[in-house]
Amino acid sequence: MPPSKFFRLAILSALVGLTFTQHLNAGLGLLCGLIFALTLGNPFRNFTQKWAGLILKMSVIGLGFGLDLQTLWANTQDGIWLTISTIVFALLAGLLLGRLLSVDGKLSMLISTGTSICGGSAIAAMSPTIGARQEQTVISISIVFILNGIALYVYPVLGHFFNLSQQQFGLWAALGIHDTSSVVGAASLYGEEALKIATTTKLARALWIIPMVLGASAYMNRGQDQKGRARINIPYFILLFVLASGITTFVPVAAKVTPDLVHLAKIGLVLSLLFMGAGFTR
């Protein structure tokens, strides 16, 4: 007999409480969510899935209060050409492998986009643009989710093994891990400086969703009526992240509350990963 809904609510509530008392870090948050979903089952899956994305975006915005615009600009400039080159390489390599392995063209495009830019967000933006079927979208997001989960645990271990500096690890995590949640999660496990660099570089990378979707729409639907196809989900939370950084830079009185906002943002990141893990199914 499966456990009651009340019992599962109590367990999930306890896990949420552990995030607020900071007994869970990013890696443990995701792991606990996965264990909860795969062993007890999550009767609140729609709720946790909906709030996971919203809390993540709010947390990223909150992290912006910990960066001034000068630092933000410097971090973005340092990695811009490396960002462009890795996106182009990952996309072309993915599409080439897809063709060599005879993978469906739209599925190949979704996986390549997700791994080259920003995981599930890029896939969600690309899917309606190229007219992908629901199962193609689900497969792509599941693959990227598994890769992100692995990277969240493996990257910090490898970073320490290779004795990477905070700056090196932050840049590597931002360019090598797909989804924003796992990028920020892995960097937060490595250090404060790595977190700042990873966050800014990752958000700059995410902006490439826009030209990517436009280019893919022209390529995949060439010669067809594209009316209603090209729909781009612009990640507006990135602009709010920059706005938060601007407040930190130009509003001195904000310094009284910005440390608390950054603290809440880090808790929110762990909570979003807990909910993401809880949204998984067998």
Protein backbone atom coordinates (compact mmCIF):
# COMPACT_ATOMS: atom_id res chain seq x y z
CA MET A 1 0.00 0.00 0.00
CA PRO A 2 1.51 3.36 -1.04
CA PRO A 3 2.10 5.97 1.69
CA SER A 4 -0.69 8.45 2.29
CA LYS A 5 -0.75 11.83 0.62
CA PHE A 6 -0.51 13.47 4.05
CA PHE A 7 2.65 11.50 4.88
CA ARG A 8 4.28 12.51 1.60
CA LEU A 9 3.30 16.13 2.19
CA ALA A 10 4.93 15.94 5.62
CA ILE A 11 8.18 14.55 4.14
CA LEU A 12 8.25 17.19 1.39
CA SER A 13 7.55 19.93 3.96
CA ALA A 14 10.42 18.65 6.11
CA LEU A 15 12.77 18.80 3.13
CA VAL A 16 11.65 22.35 2.38
CA GLY A 17 12.35 23.20 6.02
CA LEU A 18 15.87 21.80 5.72
CA THR A 19 16.57 24.15 2.81
CA PHE A 20 15.58 27.18 4.88
CA THR A 21 17.72 26.04 7.80
CA GLN A 22 20.56 25.52 5.28
CA HIS A 23 21.06 21.85 6.11
CA LEU A 24 20.89 21.11 2.37
CA ASN A 25 23.26 22.42 -0.28
CA ALA A 26 22.54 22.44 -4.02
CA GLY A 27 23.69 18.86 -4.58
CA LEU A 28 21.81 17.44 -1.61
CA GLY A 29 18.69 19.39 -2.55
CA LEU A 30 18.51 17.80 -5.99
CA LEU A 31 19.36 14.35 -4.59
CA CYS A 32 16.71 14.53 -1.85
CA GLY A 33 14.10 15.62 -4.38
CA LEU A 34 14.97 12.71 -6.65
CA ILE A 35 14.87 10.16 -3.82
CA PHE A 36 11.53 11.52 -2.62
CA ALA A 37 9.99 11.34 -6.12
CA LEU A 38 11.37 7.92 -7.07
CA THR A 39 10.67 6.15 -3.78
CA LEU A 40 7.49 7.71 -2.36
CA GLY A 41 6.09 9.36 -5.47
CA ASN A 42 5.22 13.04 -5.67
CA PRO A 43 1.46 13.72 -5.63
CA PHE A 44 2.21 17.45 -5.90
CA ARG A 45 4.26 17.20 -9.09
CA ASN A 46 2.39 19.95 -10.95
CA PHE A 47 2.96 22.31 -8.02
CA THR A 48 6.67 21.55 -7.61
CA GLN A 49 7.34 21.75 -11.37
CA LYS A 50 5.60 25.11 -11.65
CA TRP A 51 7.37 26.64 -8.67
CA ALA A 52 10.79 25.16 -9.44
CA GLY A 53 11.23 27.36 -12.50
CA LEU A 54 9.76 30.46 -10.86
CA ILE A 55 11.89 30.15 -7.72
CA LEU A 56 15.00 29.58 -9.84
CA LYS A 57 14.40 32.78 -11.81
CA MET A 58 13.74 34.76 -8.63
CA SER A 59 16.92 33.35 -7.10
CA VAL A 60 19.02 34.31 -10.12
CA ILE A 61 17.60 37.84 -9.91
CA GLY A 62 18.45 37.90 -6.22
CA LEU A 63 22.05 36.91 -6.94
CA GLY A 64 22.27 40.06 -9.06
CA PHE A 65 22.17 42.14 -5.87
CA GLY A 66 25.56 40.67 -4.98
CA LEU A 67 27.27 42.03 -8.10
CA ASP A 68 27.97 45.60 -9.14
CA LEU A 69 27.77 46.53 -12.83
CA GLN A 70 31.54 46.93 -13.17
CA THR A 71 32.13 43.36 -12.03
CA LEU A 72 29.23 42.14 -14.17
CA TRP A 73 30.65 43.82 -17.28
CA ALA A 74 34.19 42.60 -16.62
CA ASN A 75 33.05 38.99 -16.15
CA THR A 76 30.94 39.10 -19.32
CA GLN A 77 33.77 40.59 -21.40
CA ASP A 78 36.31 38.05 -20.17
CA GLY A 79 34.34 35.09 -21.48
CA ILE A 80 32.46 36.43 -24.49
CA TRP A 81 34.60 34.94 -27.27
CA LEU A 82 34.98 31.66 -25.45
CA THR A 83 31.20 31.60 -24.99
CA ILE A 84 30.57 32.16 -28.70
CA SER A 85 33.11 29.56 -29.81
CA THR A 86 31.83 26.86 -27.42
CA ILE A 87 28.20 27.46 -28.46
CA VAL A 88 29.06 27.17 -32.15
CA PHE A 89 31.22 24.08 -31.61
CA ALA A 90 28.65 22.30 -29.42
CA LEU A 91 25.80 23.04 -31.83
CA LEU A 92 27.66 21.91 -34.95
CA ALA A 93 29.07 18.83 -33.22
CA GLY A 94 25.61 17.87 -31.95
CA LEU A 95 23.96 18.25 -35.35
CA LEU A 96 26.78 16.30 -37.03
CA LEU A 97 26.54 13.46 -34.52
CA GLY A 98 22.77 13.45 -34.95
CA ARG A 99 23.15 13.00 -38.69
CA LEU A 100 25.83 10.29 -38.34
CA LEU A 101 23.64 8.37 -35.88
CA SER A 102 20.48 8.90 -37.99
CA VAL A 103 18.69 10.75 -35.19
CA ASP A 104 15.47 12.56 -36.13
CA GLY A 105 16.36 16.07 -37.31
CA LYS A 106 14.12 17.95 -34.87
CA LEU A 107 15.17 15.80 -31.92
CA SER A 108 18.80 16.37 -32.85
CA MET A 109 18.19 20.13 -33.04
CA LEU A 110 16.53 20.20 -29.61
CA ILE A 111 19.29 18.21 -27.89
CA SER A 112 22.03 20.23 -29.61
CA THR A 113 20.37 23.51 -28.66
CA GLY A 114 19.85 22.42 -25.06
CA THR A 115 23.45 21.32 -24.61
CA SER A 116 24.98 24.30 -26.41
CA ILE A 117 23.04 27.13 -24.75
CA CYS A 118 20.98 26.69 -21.59
CA GLY A 119 19.34 23.32 -21.27
CA GLY A 120 15.60 23.08 -20.74
CA SER A 121 14.98 26.79 -21.33
CA ALA A 122 16.53 26.65 -24.79
CA ILE A 123 14.63 23.46 -25.62
CA ALA A 124 11.35 25.02 -24.49
CA ALA A 125 12.00 28.06 -26.70
CA MET A 126 13.11 26.00 -29.68
CA SER A 127 10.38 23.35 -29.58
CA PRO A 128 7.40 25.42 -30.85
CA THR A 129 9.63 27.25 -33.30
CA ILE A 130 10.54 24.11 -35.24
CA GLY A 131 7.20 22.36 -34.65
CA ALA A 132 8.64 19.54 -32.50
CA ARG A 133 6.33 16.85 -31.16
CA GLN A 134 5.69 16.55 -27.44
CA GLU A 135 7.65 13.30 -27.08
CA GLN A 136 10.66 14.88 -28.82
CA THR A 137 10.59 17.75 -26.33
CA VAL A 138 10.22 15.41 -23.34
CA ILE A 139 13.11 13.19 -24.50
CA SER A 140 15.39 16.21 -25.02
CA ILE A 141 14.60 17.78 -21.66
CA SER A 142 15.05 14.43 -19.87
CA ILE A 143 18.49 13.92 -21.44
CA VAL A 144 19.61 17.42 -20.46
CA PHE A 145 18.17 16.99 -16.94
CA ILE A 146 20.19 13.81 -16.41
CA LEU A 147 23.37 15.46 -17.72
CA ASN A 148 22.80 18.46 -15.46
CA GLY A 149 22.27 16.23 -12.44
CA ILE A 150 25.52 14.42 -13.10
CA ALA A 151 27.43 17.66 -13.72
CA LEU A 152 26.20 19.20 -10.47
CA TYR A 153 28.09 16.51 -8.52
CA VAL A 154 31.01 15.76 -10.86
CA TYR A 155 32.18 19.27 -11.78
CA PRO A 156 33.15 20.43 -8.24
CA VAL A 157 35.04 17.16 -7.67
CA LEU A 158 36.94 17.55 -10.94
CA GLY A 159 37.56 21.23 -10.23
CA HIS A 160 39.29 20.39 -6.95
CA PHE A 161 41.11 17.45 -8.54
CA PHE A 162 42.61 19.68 -11.22
CA ASN A 163 43.15 22.50 -8.68
CA LEU A 164 41.17 25.03 -10.72
CA SER A 165 41.01 28.60 -9.44
CA GLN A 166 37.66 30.19 -8.59
CA GLN A 167 37.72 32.12 -11.88
CA GLN A 168 38.64 29.06 -13.95
CA PHE A 169 35.95 26.91 -12.39
CA GLY A 170 33.26 29.60 -12.70
CA LEU A 171 33.96 30.00 -16.41
CA TRP A 172 34.20 26.24 -17.00
CA ALA A 173 30.91 25.54 -15.18
CA ALA A 174 29.10 28.31 -17.07
CA LEU A 175 30.23 26.98 -20.45
CA GLY A 176 30.19 23.25 -19.78
CA ILE A 177 26.97 22.73 -17.79
CA HIS A 178 23.73 23.26 -19.65
CA ASP A 179 20.99 24.44 -17.29
CA THR A 180 21.21 27.59 -15.18
CA SER A 181 20.18 25.73 -12.02
CA SER A 182 23.06 23.25 -12.18
CA VAL A 183 25.57 25.92 -13.26
CA VAL A 184 24.76 28.09 -10.25
CA GLY A 185 24.45 25.03 -8.00
CA ALA A 186 27.86 23.60 -8.92
CA ALA A 187 29.53 27.02 -8.67
CA SER A 188 27.97 27.67 -5.25
CA LEU A 189 29.54 24.42 -4.02
CA TYR A 190 32.96 25.61 -5.27
CA GLY A 191 33.08 29.13 -3.86
CA GLU A 192 31.72 32.68 -3.80
CA GLU A 193 33.93 34.01 -6.60
CA ALA A 194 33.17 31.01 -8.81
CA LEU A 195 29.46 31.64 -8.23
CA LYS A 196 29.68 35.26 -9.39
CA ILE A 197 31.64 34.43 -12.54
CA ALA A 198 29.49 31.41 -13.39
CA THR A 199 26.23 33.34 -12.97
CA THR A 200 27.21 36.28 -15.17
CA THR A 201 28.80 34.14 -17.88
CA LYS A 202 25.85 31.73 -17.91
CA LEU A 203 23.27 34.48 -18.27
CA ALA A 204 25.23 36.05 -21.12
CA ARG A 205 25.28 32.61 -22.75
CA ALA A 206 21.51 32.26 -22.28
CA LEU A 207 20.85 35.38 -24.37
CA TRP A 208 21.97 33.40 -27.41
CA ILE A 209 18.56 31.72 -27.33
CA ILE A 210 17.20 34.59 -29.42
CA PRO A 211 19.50 34.41 -32.51
CA MET A 212 19.56 30.61 -32.20
CA VAL A 213 15.78 30.32 -32.39
CA LEU A 214 15.56 32.74 -35.32
CA GLY A 215 18.28 30.89 -37.23
CA ALA A 216 16.78 27.47 -36.50
CA SER A 217 13.36 28.64 -37.63
CA ALA A 218 14.76 29.76 -40.97
CA TYR A 219 16.76 26.53 -41.41
CA MET A 220 14.26 23.91 -40.24
CA ASN A 221 11.23 25.48 -41.91
CA ARG A 222 12.82 26.74 -45.10
CA GLY A 223 10.41 26.65 -48.01
CA GLN A 224 7.42 26.30 -45.64
CA ASP A 225 4.83 28.72 -44.36
CA GLN A 226 6.27 29.81 -41.01
CA LYS A 227 3.25 31.79 -39.91
CA GLY A 228 2.77 31.20 -36.19
CA ARG A 229 5.93 29.09 -35.92
CA ALA A 230 8.62 31.54 -34.90
CA ARG A 231 7.82 32.22 -31.26
CA ILE A 232 10.68 33.18 -28.97
CA ASN A 233 10.46 32.95 -25.19
CA ILE A 234 12.82 35.75 -24.22
CA PRO A 235 14.40 35.14 -20.76
CA TYR A 236 13.30 38.44 -19.22
CA PHE A 237 14.63 37.45 -15.80
CA ILE A 238 18.14 38.13 -17.18
CA LEU A 239 17.22 41.79 -17.63
CA LEU A 240 15.95 41.86 -14.04
CA PHE A 241 19.27 40.35 -12.93
CA VAL A 242 21.07 43.29 -14.59
CA LEU A 243 18.59 45.70 -12.98
CA ALA A 244 19.35 44.20 -9.55
CA SER A 245 23.05 44.70 -10.23
CA GLY A 246 22.33 48.31 -11.22
CA ILE A 247 20.49 48.93 -7.94
CA THR A 248 23.49 47.59 -6.03
CA THR A 249 25.78 49.91 -8.01
CA PHE A 250 23.83 53.17 -7.96
CA VAL A 251 21.59 53.00 -4.87
CA PRO A 252 23.87 53.09 -1.79
CA VAL A 253 20.98 52.70 0.65
CA ALA A 254 20.23 49.30 -0.90
CA ALA A 255 23.39 47.96 0.75
CA LYS A 256 21.36 47.58 3.96
CA VAL A 257 19.20 44.82 2.43
CA THR A 258 21.19 43.38 -0.49
CA PRO A 259 23.15 40.87 1.67
CA ASP A 260 19.85 39.47 2.93
CA LEU A 261 18.47 39.27 -0.60
CA VAL A 262 21.55 37.37 -1.78
CA HIS A 263 21.23 35.03 1.21
CA LEU A 264 17.58 34.33 0.35
CA ALA A 265 18.55 33.81 -3.30
CA LYS A 266 21.00 31.06 -2.34
CA ILE A 267 18.33 29.34 -0.25
CA GLY A 268 15.91 29.70 -3.16
CA LEU A 269 18.41 28.04 -5.49
CA VAL A 270 18.54 24.94 -3.27
CA LEU A 271 14.74 24.92 -3.00
CA SER A 272 14.34 25.10 -6.78
CA LEU A 273 16.70 22.12 -7.20
CA LEU A 274 14.75 20.20 -4.56
CA PHE A 275 11.53 20.84 -6.49
CA MET A 276 13.19 19.94 -9.80
CA GLY A 277 14.29 16.61 -8.40
CA ALA A 278 10.81 16.05 -6.94
CA GLY A 279 9.33 16.58 -10.39
CA PHE A 280 11.12 13.57 -11.86
CA THR A 281 9.30 10.27 -12.47
CA ARG A 282 10.38 6.71 -12.97
